[in-house]
């Protein structure tokens, strides 16, 4: 029995320009949010080491 693999679903999803733009915005937003959270966490960590918090 031969199983045929379907086309790559990510490539199929990215064919539509609107979907591609929406995915780009979501990924960009996630990268910005994760950067902000890392910076806040680092600041809190430093303040805890200094005994301010």
N, C-alpha and C. Protein backbone atom coordinates (compact mmCIF):
# COMPACT_ATOMS: atom_id res chain seq x y z
N UNK A 1 0.85 -1.19 0.00
CA UNK A 1 0.00 0.00 0.00
C UNK A 1 0.89 1.24 0.00
N UNK A 2 0.65 2.13 -0.92
CA UNK A 2 1.44 3.34 -1.05
C UNK A 2 0.65 4.51 -0.48
N UNK A 3 1.29 5.25 0.42
CA UNK A 3 0.64 6.42 1.02
C UNK A 3 1.20 7.66 0.35
N UNK A 4 0.31 8.45 -0.25
CA UNK A 4 0.75 9.68 -0.88
C UNK A 4 0.76 10.79 0.15
N UNK A 5 1.83 11.54 0.16
CA UNK A 5 1.90 12.68 1.06
C UNK A 5 1.25 13.87 0.37
N UNK A 6 0.47 14.59 1.15
CA UNK A 6 -0.17 15.78 0.57
C UNK A 6 0.86 16.89 0.45
N UNK A 7 0.48 17.96 -0.21
CA UNK A 7 1.37 19.10 -0.36
C UNK A 7 1.64 19.71 1.01
N UNK A 8 2.70 20.45 1.09
CA UNK A 8 3.08 21.09 2.34
C UNK A 8 2.00 22.09 2.75
N UNK A 9 1.38 21.91 3.90
CA UNK A 9 0.28 22.81 4.30
C UNK A 9 0.75 24.24 4.53
N UNK A 10 2.00 24.42 4.93
CA UNK A 10 2.49 25.78 5.16
C UNK A 10 2.63 26.51 3.83
N UNK A 11 3.14 25.84 2.82
CA UNK A 11 3.25 26.46 1.50
C UNK A 11 1.86 26.77 0.94
N UNK A 12 0.92 25.85 1.15
CA UNK A 12 -0.44 26.08 0.69
C UNK A 12 -1.05 27.30 1.39
N UNK A 13 -0.80 27.43 2.68
CA UNK A 13 -1.33 28.56 3.45
C UNK A 13 -0.70 29.87 3.01
N UNK A 14 0.58 29.84 2.66
CA UNK A 14 1.31 31.05 2.32
C UNK A 14 1.08 31.51 0.88
N UNK A 15 0.34 30.76 0.08
CA UNK A 15 0.07 31.17 -1.29
C UNK A 15 -0.80 32.42 -1.32
N UNK A 16 -1.71 32.54 -0.37
CA UNK A 16 -2.60 33.70 -0.32
C UNK A 16 -1.86 34.88 0.31
N UNK A 17 -1.77 36.03 -0.37
CA UNK A 17 -1.01 37.17 0.17
C UNK A 17 -1.60 37.72 1.47
N UNK A 18 -2.92 37.65 1.61
CA UNK A 18 -3.54 38.15 2.85
C UNK A 18 -3.15 37.29 4.05
N UNK A 19 -3.16 36.00 3.84
CA UNK A 19 -2.75 35.09 4.93
C UNK A 19 -1.28 35.27 5.27
N UNK A 20 -0.46 35.47 4.23
CA UNK A 20 0.97 35.67 4.44
C UNK A 20 1.21 36.93 5.25
N UNK A 21 0.49 38.00 4.94
CA UNK A 21 0.63 39.26 5.68
C UNK A 21 0.16 39.10 7.12
N UNK A 22 -0.92 38.38 7.31
CA UNK A 22 -1.43 38.16 8.67
C UNK A 22 -0.44 37.34 9.50
N UNK A 23 0.14 36.32 8.90
CA UNK A 23 1.13 35.51 9.60
C UNK A 23 2.36 36.34 9.94
N UNK A 24 2.76 37.21 9.03
CA UNK A 24 3.91 38.08 9.27
C UNK A 24 3.64 39.00 10.46
N UNK A 25 2.44 39.58 10.52
CA UNK A 25 2.10 40.47 11.63
C UNK A 25 2.06 39.72 12.96
N UNK A 26 1.53 38.52 12.96
CA UNK A 26 1.47 37.73 14.19
C UNK A 26 2.87 37.38 14.67
N UNK A 27 3.73 36.94 13.76
CA UNK A 27 5.10 36.56 14.13
C UNK A 27 5.88 37.77 14.61
N UNK A 28 5.72 38.91 13.92
CA UNK A 28 6.41 40.14 14.33
C UNK A 28 5.94 40.58 15.71
N UNK A 29 4.65 40.55 15.94
CA UNK A 29 4.11 40.91 17.26
C UNK A 29 4.62 40.00 18.36
N UNK A 30 4.71 38.71 18.06
CA UNK A 30 5.22 37.77 19.06
C UNK A 30 6.68 38.03 19.38
N UNK A 31 7.47 38.38 18.36
CA UNK A 31 8.89 38.67 18.60
C UNK A 31 9.05 39.94 19.43
N UNK A 32 8.26 40.97 19.15
CA UNK A 32 8.34 42.21 19.92
C UNK A 32 7.91 41.97 21.36
N UNK A 33 6.81 41.23 21.54
CA UNK A 33 6.31 40.95 22.89
C UNK A 33 7.32 40.14 23.69
N UNK A 34 7.93 39.13 23.07
CA UNK A 34 8.90 38.32 23.80
C UNK A 34 10.13 39.14 24.18
N UNK A 35 10.54 40.06 23.33
CA UNK A 35 11.67 40.93 23.65
C UNK A 35 11.35 41.81 24.85
N UNK A 36 10.16 42.39 24.86
CA UNK A 36 9.75 43.25 25.97
C UNK A 36 9.70 42.46 27.27
N UNK A 37 9.16 41.25 27.22
CA UNK A 37 9.08 40.43 28.43
C UNK A 37 10.47 40.03 28.94
N UNK A 38 11.39 39.76 28.04
CA UNK A 38 12.76 39.42 28.46
C UNK A 38 13.41 40.62 29.14
N UNK A 39 13.22 41.83 28.58
CA UNK A 39 13.79 43.04 29.17
C UNK A 39 13.20 43.29 30.55
N UNK A 40 11.90 43.16 30.69
CA UNK A 40 11.26 43.37 32.00
C UNK A 40 11.76 42.35 33.00
N UNK A 41 11.88 41.09 32.58
CA UNK A 41 12.38 40.06 33.47
C UNK A 41 13.81 40.32 33.91
N UNK A 42 14.64 40.80 32.99
CA UNK A 42 16.03 41.11 33.33
C UNK A 42 16.10 42.26 34.33
N UNK A 43 15.30 43.29 34.12
CA UNK A 43 15.29 44.43 35.05
C UNK A 43 14.83 43.99 36.43
N UNK A 44 13.79 43.19 36.50
CA UNK A 44 13.30 42.70 37.80
C UNK A 44 14.37 41.85 38.47
N UNK A 45 15.06 41.00 37.70
CA UNK A 45 16.11 40.16 38.26
C UNK A 45 17.24 41.00 38.84
N UNK A 46 17.66 42.02 38.11
CA UNK A 46 18.73 42.89 38.60
C UNK A 46 18.30 43.62 39.86
N UNK A 47 17.06 44.11 39.87
CA UNK A 47 16.56 44.79 41.07
C UNK A 47 16.47 43.85 42.25
N UNK A 48 16.15 42.59 42.01
CA UNK A 48 16.11 41.62 43.11
C UNK A 48 17.52 41.33 43.62
N UNK A 49 18.49 41.26 42.73
CA UNK A 49 19.88 41.04 43.17
C UNK A 49 20.40 42.22 43.99
N UNK A 50 19.98 43.41 43.63
CA UNK A 50 20.43 44.60 44.38
C UNK A 50 19.66 44.80 45.67
N UNK A 51 18.60 44.04 45.87
CA UNK A 51 17.81 44.12 47.10
C UNK A 51 16.80 45.25 47.10
N UNK A 52 16.52 45.81 45.96
CA UNK A 52 15.54 46.89 45.88
C UNK A 52 14.12 46.34 45.93
N UNK A 53 13.92 45.17 45.37
CA UNK A 53 12.60 44.54 45.41
C UNK A 53 12.61 43.45 46.46
